[in-house]
Protein backbone atom coordinates (compact mmCIF):
# COMPACT_ATOMS: atom_id res chain seq x y z
CA MET A 1 -29.46 -6.47 22.80
CA LYS A 2 -28.12 -5.24 19.49
CA TYR A 3 -24.56 -3.87 19.66
CA TYR A 4 -22.83 -1.81 16.98
CA ILE A 5 -19.04 -1.69 17.54
CA ILE A 6 -16.45 0.42 15.71
CA VAL A 7 -12.67 -0.12 15.84
CA GLY A 8 -9.99 1.20 13.50
CA GLU A 9 -6.87 -0.90 14.07
CA ALA A 10 -5.49 -4.29 15.12
CA SER A 11 -5.34 -3.60 18.88
CA GLY A 12 -8.97 -2.45 18.83
CA ASP A 13 -9.94 -5.66 17.05
CA LEU A 14 -8.29 -7.67 19.83
CA HIS A 15 -9.91 -5.80 22.70
CA ALA A 16 -13.33 -5.57 21.07
CA SER A 17 -13.33 -9.31 20.31
CA ASN A 18 -12.69 -10.06 24.00
CA LEU A 19 -15.45 -7.65 24.98
CA MET A 20 -17.83 -9.39 22.56
CA LYS A 21 -16.97 -12.71 24.20
CA SER A 22 -17.77 -11.25 27.63
CA LEU A 23 -21.00 -9.62 26.42
CA LYS A 24 -22.21 -12.97 25.09
CA LYS A 25 -21.76 -14.46 28.57
CA ASP A 26 -23.88 -11.73 30.19
CA ASP A 27 -26.38 -11.26 27.36
CA SER A 28 -27.61 -14.47 25.75
CA GLU A 29 -29.42 -12.47 23.05
CA ALA A 30 -26.42 -10.36 22.04
CA GLU A 31 -26.25 -9.46 18.33
CA PHE A 32 -23.28 -7.69 16.76
CA ARG A 33 -22.64 -5.54 13.74
CA PHE A 34 -19.22 -3.94 13.53
CA TRP A 35 -16.31 -2.24 11.81
CA GLY A 36 -13.34 -4.32 12.90
CA GLY A 37 -11.20 -7.30 11.99
CA ASP A 38 -10.74 -11.05 11.92
CA LEU A 39 -10.83 -11.55 15.70
CA MET A 40 -14.17 -9.80 16.00
CA GLN A 41 -15.50 -11.73 13.03
CA ALA A 42 -14.59 -14.97 14.81
CA GLN A 43 -16.97 -13.97 17.63
CA GLY A 44 -19.91 -13.81 15.20
CA GLY A 45 -22.05 -11.03 13.82
CA THR A 46 -21.65 -8.94 10.68
CA LEU A 47 -18.42 -7.24 9.59
CA VAL A 48 -19.26 -4.06 7.69
CA LYS A 49 -15.70 -2.89 6.93
CA HIS A 50 -12.26 -4.22 7.85
CA TYR A 51 -9.92 -1.97 9.85
CA ARG A 52 -7.14 -2.43 7.27
CA ASP A 53 -9.20 -0.19 4.98
CA LEU A 54 -9.47 2.51 7.66
CA ALA A 55 -5.97 3.01 9.06
CA PHE A 56 -4.23 6.22 7.98
CA MET A 57 -1.31 7.37 10.12
CA GLY A 58 -0.18 10.97 10.56
CA PHE A 59 -1.51 14.38 9.63
CA ALA A 60 -0.25 14.36 6.04
CA GLU A 61 -1.60 10.88 5.34
CA VAL A 62 -5.03 11.81 6.72
CA ILE A 63 -5.19 14.87 4.47
CA MET A 64 -4.18 12.81 1.43
CA ASN A 65 -6.95 10.28 2.14
CA LEU A 66 -9.59 12.72 3.35
CA ARG A 67 -12.12 11.86 0.64
CA THR A 68 -12.00 8.17 1.57
CA ILE A 69 -12.33 8.95 5.28
CA LEU A 70 -15.35 11.21 4.75
CA LYS A 71 -16.98 8.59 2.54
CA ASN A 72 -16.49 5.98 5.28
CA ILE A 73 -18.02 8.29 7.90
CA THR A 74 -21.11 8.82 5.74
CA LEU A 75 -21.43 5.08 5.15
CA CYS A 76 -21.07 4.35 8.85
CA LYS A 77 -23.70 6.87 9.92
CA GLN A 78 -26.28 5.44 7.54
CA ASP A 79 -25.43 1.88 8.55
CA VAL A 80 -25.84 2.70 12.25
CA LEU A 81 -29.24 4.23 11.53
CA ASP A 82 -30.35 1.24 9.48
CA TYR A 83 -29.25 -1.26 12.16
CA LYS A 84 -30.86 0.64 15.05
CA PRO A 85 -28.55 -0.69 17.78
CA ASP A 86 -29.47 -0.64 21.46
CA ILE A 87 -25.92 0.48 22.25
CA LEU A 88 -23.08 1.89 20.16
CA ILE A 89 -19.63 0.86 21.44
CA LEU A 90 -16.71 2.93 20.14
CA VAL A 91 -13.18 1.61 20.67
CA ASP A 92 -10.37 4.21 20.58
CA TYR A 93 -9.93 5.59 16.97
CA PRO A 94 -11.08 9.10 17.97
CA GLY A 95 -10.78 10.97 14.66
CA PHE A 96 -13.50 8.75 13.26
CA ASN A 97 -15.37 7.67 16.36
CA MET A 98 -15.95 11.12 17.85
CA ARG A 99 -17.87 12.08 14.72
CA ILE A 100 -19.99 8.94 14.99
CA ALA A 101 -20.58 9.64 18.70
CA GLU A 102 -22.01 13.07 17.91
CA PHE A 103 -24.27 11.59 15.23
CA ALA A 104 -25.46 8.74 17.47
CA LYS A 105 -26.23 11.07 20.38
CA LYS A 106 -28.37 13.27 18.13
CA ASN A 107 -30.25 10.15 17.09
CA LYS A 108 -30.77 9.05 20.71
CA ILE A 109 -28.49 5.99 20.49
CA PRO A 110 -26.60 5.35 23.77
CA VAL A 111 -22.86 5.88 23.26
CA HIS A 112 -20.33 3.82 25.23
CA TYR A 113 -16.66 4.63 24.64
CA TYR A 114 -14.03 1.96 25.40
CA ILE A 115 -10.37 3.09 25.51
CA SER A 116 -10.47 6.84 25.82
CA PRO A 117 -9.18 9.22 23.16
CA GLN A 118 -5.80 10.41 24.41
CA ILE A 119 -6.99 13.91 25.19
CA TRP A 120 -4.49 14.05 28.05
CA ALA A 121 -1.82 14.13 25.30
CA TRP A 122 -3.40 16.52 22.83
CA LYS A 123 -6.75 18.01 21.80
CA GLU A 124 -7.81 18.36 25.43
CA ASN A 125 -10.67 20.55 24.27
CA ARG A 126 -12.31 17.34 23.02
CA ILE A 127 -13.52 16.96 26.61
CA HIS A 128 -16.47 19.21 25.74
CA LYS A 129 -17.60 16.87 22.97
CA ILE A 130 -17.02 13.83 25.15
CA LYS A 131 -19.19 15.29 27.91
CA ARG A 132 -21.88 16.12 25.34
CA ASP A 133 -21.85 12.93 23.26
CA VAL A 134 -20.59 10.04 25.42
CA ASP A 135 -22.88 8.37 27.94
CA GLU A 136 -20.31 5.99 29.48
CA MET A 137 -16.51 6.11 29.23
CA TYR A 138 -14.31 3.11 30.11
CA VAL A 139 -10.64 4.01 30.65
CA ILE A 140 -7.72 1.59 30.80
CA LEU A 141 -4.79 3.68 32.07
CA PRO A 142 -4.54 4.50 35.78
CA PHE A 143 -3.88 8.22 35.33
CA GLU A 144 -6.95 8.70 33.12
CA LYS A 145 -9.52 8.45 35.91
CA PRO A 146 -8.18 11.42 37.92
CA PHE A 147 -7.63 13.31 34.66
CA TYR A 148 -11.30 13.03 33.76
CA GLU A 149 -12.87 13.18 37.21
CA ASP A 150 -10.65 15.62 39.12
CA LYS A 151 -9.66 17.91 36.28
CA HIS A 152 -12.80 17.81 34.13
CA GLN A 153 -15.58 16.60 36.47
CA PHE A 154 -16.60 13.82 34.09
CA PRO A 155 -17.20 10.43 35.76
CA VAL A 156 -15.51 7.44 34.08
CA HIS A 157 -14.94 3.75 34.81
CA PHE A 158 -11.34 2.57 35.27
CA VAL A 159 -11.61 -1.07 34.19
CA GLY A 160 -7.95 -2.12 34.07
CA HIS A 161 -5.92 -2.76 30.94
CA PRO A 162 -7.33 -5.40 28.56
CA LEU A 163 -3.85 -6.51 27.55
CA LEU A 164 -3.52 -8.27 30.90
CA ASP A 165 -6.37 -10.57 29.85
CA ALA A 166 -5.21 -10.97 26.27
CA ILE A 167 -1.76 -12.05 27.40
CA SER A 168 -2.78 -14.25 30.34
CA ASN A 169 -5.38 -16.06 28.19
CA LYS A 170 -2.89 -16.77 25.40
CA LEU A 171 -1.66 -20.35 25.38
CA SER A 172 1.86 -20.14 23.97
CA PRO A 173 3.79 -23.19 22.77
CA SER A 174 6.88 -24.31 24.63
CA GLU A 175 10.15 -22.72 23.58
CA GLU A 176 11.29 -25.98 21.98
CA GLU A 177 8.04 -26.32 20.02
CA PHE A 178 8.09 -22.66 18.97
CA ARG A 179 11.64 -22.84 17.65
CA LYS A 180 10.98 -26.12 15.85
CA THR A 181 7.75 -24.92 14.24
CA HIS A 182 9.36 -21.76 12.88
CA HIS A 183 12.75 -23.31 11.99
CA LEU A 184 14.69 -21.20 14.48
CA GLY A 185 18.14 -22.00 15.82
CA GLU A 186 19.33 -22.00 19.42
CA LYS A 187 20.62 -18.42 19.51
CA PRO A 188 18.70 -15.93 21.72
CA ILE A 189 15.97 -14.15 19.79
CA ILE A 190 15.75 -10.40 19.18
CA ALA A 191 12.23 -9.58 18.00
CA LEU A 192 11.62 -6.81 15.46
CA LEU A 193 8.17 -5.24 15.71
CA PRO A 194 8.00 -2.62 12.93
CA GLY A 195 4.30 -1.82 13.35
CA SER A 196 1.09 -2.83 11.60
CA ARG A 197 0.62 -0.12 8.96
CA LYS A 198 2.48 -0.05 5.65
CA GLN A 199 3.64 3.51 6.33
CA GLU A 200 5.20 2.48 9.65
CA ILE A 201 6.85 -0.65 8.33
CA ASN A 202 8.40 1.17 5.38
CA LYS A 203 10.01 3.72 7.70
CA MET A 204 11.05 1.41 10.54
CA LEU A 205 12.09 -2.01 9.28
CA SER A 206 15.10 -1.10 7.13
CA VAL A 207 16.90 0.53 10.06
CA MET A 208 16.00 -2.34 12.41
CA LEU A 209 17.45 -4.89 9.97
CA GLU A 210 20.82 -3.11 9.94
CA MET A 211 21.44 -4.49 13.44
CA ILE A 212 21.75 -8.07 12.23
CA GLU A 213 25.41 -7.98 11.15
CA ASP A 214 26.49 -6.29 14.39
CA PHE A 215 24.95 -8.95 16.64
CA PRO A 216 25.94 -12.33 15.14
CA THR A 217 25.35 -14.27 18.39
CA TYR A 218 21.63 -13.48 18.23
CA GLN A 219 18.92 -14.35 15.72
CA PHE A 220 16.52 -11.67 14.55
CA VAL A 221 12.87 -12.40 13.87
CA ILE A 222 10.35 -10.04 12.27
CA ALA A 223 6.84 -10.01 13.72
CA GLY A 224 4.55 -9.82 10.70
CA ALA A 225 1.33 -7.86 11.27
CA PRO A 226 -1.95 -9.74 10.73
CA SER A 227 -3.17 -6.93 8.50
CA GLN A 228 -0.30 -7.30 5.97
CA GLU A 229 0.46 -9.99 3.41
CA PHE A 230 3.84 -11.72 3.34
CA GLU A 231 4.52 -10.29 -0.13
CA PHE A 232 4.71 -6.80 1.35
CA TYR A 233 7.67 -7.83 3.54
CA GLN A 234 9.62 -9.72 0.87
CA PRO A 235 11.69 -6.76 -0.42
CA PHE A 236 13.04 -6.25 3.12
CA LEU A 237 14.12 -9.88 3.51
CA LYS A 238 16.31 -10.36 0.44
CA ASN A 239 19.62 -9.10 1.85
CA TYR A 240 19.41 -10.22 5.49
CA ASN A 241 19.64 -13.43 7.46
CA VAL A 242 16.34 -12.90 9.25
CA LYS A 243 13.30 -15.01 10.01
CA PHE A 244 9.74 -13.84 9.46
CA ILE A 245 6.75 -14.98 11.55
CA SER A 246 3.32 -13.64 10.70
CA ASN A 247 0.48 -13.10 13.17
CA LYS A 248 2.27 -14.80 16.10
CA THR A 249 3.58 -11.76 17.95
CA TYR A 250 2.66 -13.02 21.42
CA ASP A 251 4.36 -16.38 20.80
CA LEU A 252 7.42 -14.51 19.55
CA LEU A 253 7.56 -12.18 22.54
CA ALA A 254 7.13 -15.11 24.93
CA ASN A 255 10.37 -16.52 23.53
CA SER A 256 12.41 -13.35 22.92
CA TYR A 257 15.44 -12.06 24.78
CA ALA A 258 15.09 -8.46 23.58
CA ALA A 259 13.01 -6.44 21.14
CA ILE A 260 13.05 -3.35 18.94
CA VAL A 261 9.51 -2.00 18.85
CA THR A 262 7.66 0.68 16.94
CA SER A 263 5.81 2.95 19.36
CA GLY A 264 2.21 1.94 20.01
CA THR A 265 0.34 -0.74 21.92
CA ALA A 266 3.17 -3.18 21.17
CA THR A 267 5.45 -1.37 23.63
CA LEU A 268 3.12 -2.26 26.50
CA GLU A 269 2.64 -5.81 25.22
CA THR A 270 6.41 -6.26 25.11
CA ALA A 271 6.75 -4.97 28.67
CA LEU A 272 4.04 -7.33 29.95
CA PHE A 273 5.95 -10.23 28.40
CA LYS A 274 8.98 -8.94 30.37
CA VAL A 275 11.12 -8.39 27.28
CA PRO A 276 13.67 -5.53 27.43
CA GLN A 277 13.03 -3.22 24.50
CA ILE A 278 13.96 -0.11 22.57
CA VAL A 279 11.00 1.98 21.44
CA CYS A 280 11.32 3.61 18.02
CA TYR A 281 9.26 6.02 15.99
CA LYS A 282 9.75 7.84 12.71
CA ALA A 283 6.92 9.65 10.97
CA ASN A 284 6.49 11.74 7.88
CA SER A 285 8.55 14.87 8.65
CA ILE A 286 5.58 17.21 8.21
CA SER A 287 3.38 15.05 10.46
CA TYR A 288 6.10 14.92 13.11
CA MET A 289 6.65 18.69 13.09
CA ILE A 290 2.94 19.29 13.56
CA ALA A 291 2.64 16.65 16.28
CA LYS A 292 5.63 18.03 18.19
CA ARG A 293 3.88 21.39 18.47
CA LEU A 294 0.55 19.92 19.49
CA VAL A 295 1.37 16.97 21.75
CA ASN A 296 2.11 17.78 25.36
CA LEU A 297 3.91 14.66 26.57
CA LYS A 298 7.29 13.86 28.10
CA PHE A 299 7.29 10.39 26.52
CA ILE A 300 5.81 8.58 23.55
CA SER A 301 5.69 4.97 24.79
CA LEU A 302 2.90 3.72 27.04
CA VAL A 303 5.45 2.10 29.33
CA ASN A 304 7.13 5.40 30.16
CA LEU A 305 3.86 7.35 30.25
CA ILE A 306 2.28 5.04 32.82
CA MET A 307 5.43 4.90 34.96
CA ASP A 308 6.04 8.64 34.49
CA LYS A 309 9.76 8.04 33.96
CA GLU A 310 12.08 6.61 31.33
CA VAL A 311 11.93 2.86 31.80
CA VAL A 312 12.66 2.08 28.14
CA THR A 313 14.74 4.15 25.72
CA GLU A 314 12.83 6.02 23.03
CA LEU A 315 14.51 6.77 19.69
CA LEU A 316 12.45 9.30 17.74
CA GLN A 317 12.90 10.71 14.23
CA ASP A 318 16.60 11.50 13.61
CA ASP A 319 17.64 9.64 16.77
CA PHE A 320 16.30 6.49 15.15
CA ASN A 321 19.40 5.66 13.15
CA PRO A 322 21.67 2.58 12.93
CA LYS A 323 24.48 4.04 15.04
CA ARG A 324 22.29 5.04 17.97
CA LEU A 325 20.14 1.91 17.74
CA LYS A 326 23.24 -0.29 17.99
CA VAL A 327 24.38 1.48 21.17
CA GLU A 328 20.97 1.15 22.82
CA LEU A 329 20.58 -2.49 21.81
CA GLN A 330 23.93 -3.31 23.41
CA LYS A 331 22.65 -1.73 26.63
CA ILE A 332 19.50 -3.85 26.92
CA LEU A 333 21.57 -6.99 26.34
CA ASP A 334 23.67 -6.14 29.43
CA GLU A 335 22.56 -8.20 32.45
CA ASN A 336 22.69 -5.38 35.02
CA HIS A 337 20.64 -3.05 32.86
CA ARG A 338 18.12 -5.82 32.22
CA LYS A 339 17.54 -6.34 35.95
CA GLU A 340 16.57 -2.69 36.35
CA ILE A 341 14.14 -2.95 33.41
CA PHE A 342 12.53 -6.08 34.90
CA MET A 343 11.96 -4.37 38.26
CA ASN A 344 10.19 -1.51 36.51
CA TYR A 345 8.12 -3.91 34.40
CA PHE A 346 6.80 -5.66 37.52
CA GLU A 347 5.83 -2.30 39.03
CA LEU A 348 4.11 -1.33 35.78
CA GLU A 349 1.98 -4.47 35.82
CA LYS A 350 0.76 -3.71 39.35
CA MET A 351 -0.43 -0.28 38.24
CA LEU A 352 -2.61 -1.62 35.41
CA GLY A 353 -5.52 -2.76 37.56
CA GLY A 354 -5.48 -6.54 37.29
CA LYS A 355 -7.15 -8.94 34.90
CA GLY A 356 -10.84 -8.94 33.95
CA ALA A 357 -11.28 -5.69 32.00
CA SER A 358 -13.62 -7.16 29.40
CA ASP A 359 -15.81 -8.85 32.00
CA ARG A 360 -16.02 -5.66 34.06
CA ILE A 361 -17.11 -3.59 31.05
CA ALA A 362 -19.64 -6.20 29.92
CA LYS A 363 -21.26 -6.19 33.36
CA LEU A 364 -21.37 -2.38 33.41
CA ILE A 365 -22.95 -2.31 29.96
CA THR A 366 -25.55 -5.01 30.55
CA SER A 367 -26.47 -3.58 33.96
CA LYS A 368 -27.68 -0.45 32.17
CA GLU A 369 -30.19 -2.29 30.00
C-alpha cells in the first residue's frame, strides 16, 4: 500500500513515525511519502516538506504568512495527485489538513484522520466537513468519542493516547549518566519547556529564566526543541546560570523535580513523567483576544481538560509574569501539594486508554484494504 501522511509540528512527527513503524509490521509492502520531520524520515520514504517550514502560531501570524500557506496547500494537492496514494493519513494540523481532506475526497482518495481537530474547543461547525470528507477518524482523548458519536452521530475509533507508547518505549539513561553527560550538578532539576516555535520561545523563555535567582537550591535546564538551532537560544543564555539540552526532552523530564511548561502536548508529556508543573501561555495580544472570544473551554492544558478540573496551575497572558510564576513554582515544590498532583496524574494515566495506539490504528487501517 502507498501511504501519504501529512503532519505540521513536532508532536505529529513523533506520532506519525510510530504509526509508520506499526504499518510496516502489518503491511510488508508499505511505501510512504510525507510532510513531516526527522523521526518520520528515519522510518523511510520520501520527505516532501519539513514541518518547521509549516508552523505558524496564532491568528495574526497565519494572516501574515497567508501567501506561503496557500502556496504550500497548492503544492501538497498536486503532490498527492501525482503520488496516487492508496490512503491519505492526516495527523492533527486542521487548518491545513482539512483543506487537503476535501481535495482528496473529491479525487476519491480514502481519508484517514489521526488525532482529531479540536472541534470540541472551537469551530464545532467543522463537523459537517469532517462527516463529508473523512472516511475514518482516530481519536486519542477519552471525551472525544462521546462528543462525536453521541452529540454528532459520527462514528470514530478511540485508540488511546500515543504518548503512552512514546514514553514507555523510550529508554532513558540513568540519573547519574544523564547528569554526567550533560555536565549537571547534584541540585534538583527544574525543567524549562518554552515550546517548539520561535514565536512561543521568544514570548515564554525570558520570563521563565527570571526564576533562576529566586531558587538557588535548584538547577534550571532549558529543553531545546528539535526544530530549532542552538544559535537561536544563545541570546537568552548570556545572563543566566542555566543549562541547555537540545532534543532530549524525555530524558530531561525523566530526571526533573518540577517543570515550567508552555501549553501544548508537552503538558501531557510532563504529567505522564509524573513531574509537577506550571502551564504557561502568552500569545500575540490580537491572537489571544480573538481566541478568547472563539474558544469555549474552561482550561487550556490537556491535563486539566482530560481531568475536567484544575490539576495543574495555568498562567495565561498577563498572569504569566515573574511575580505570579514565583508564587506558583514555590507551591509545586511543597511536598504536600506534590502528593495531590501525583494522585491526579495517576488517575489521568488510567483515563488515556492504555498503550498500543499506533498498533491499533495500523490494524484498523490495514484491515480496510
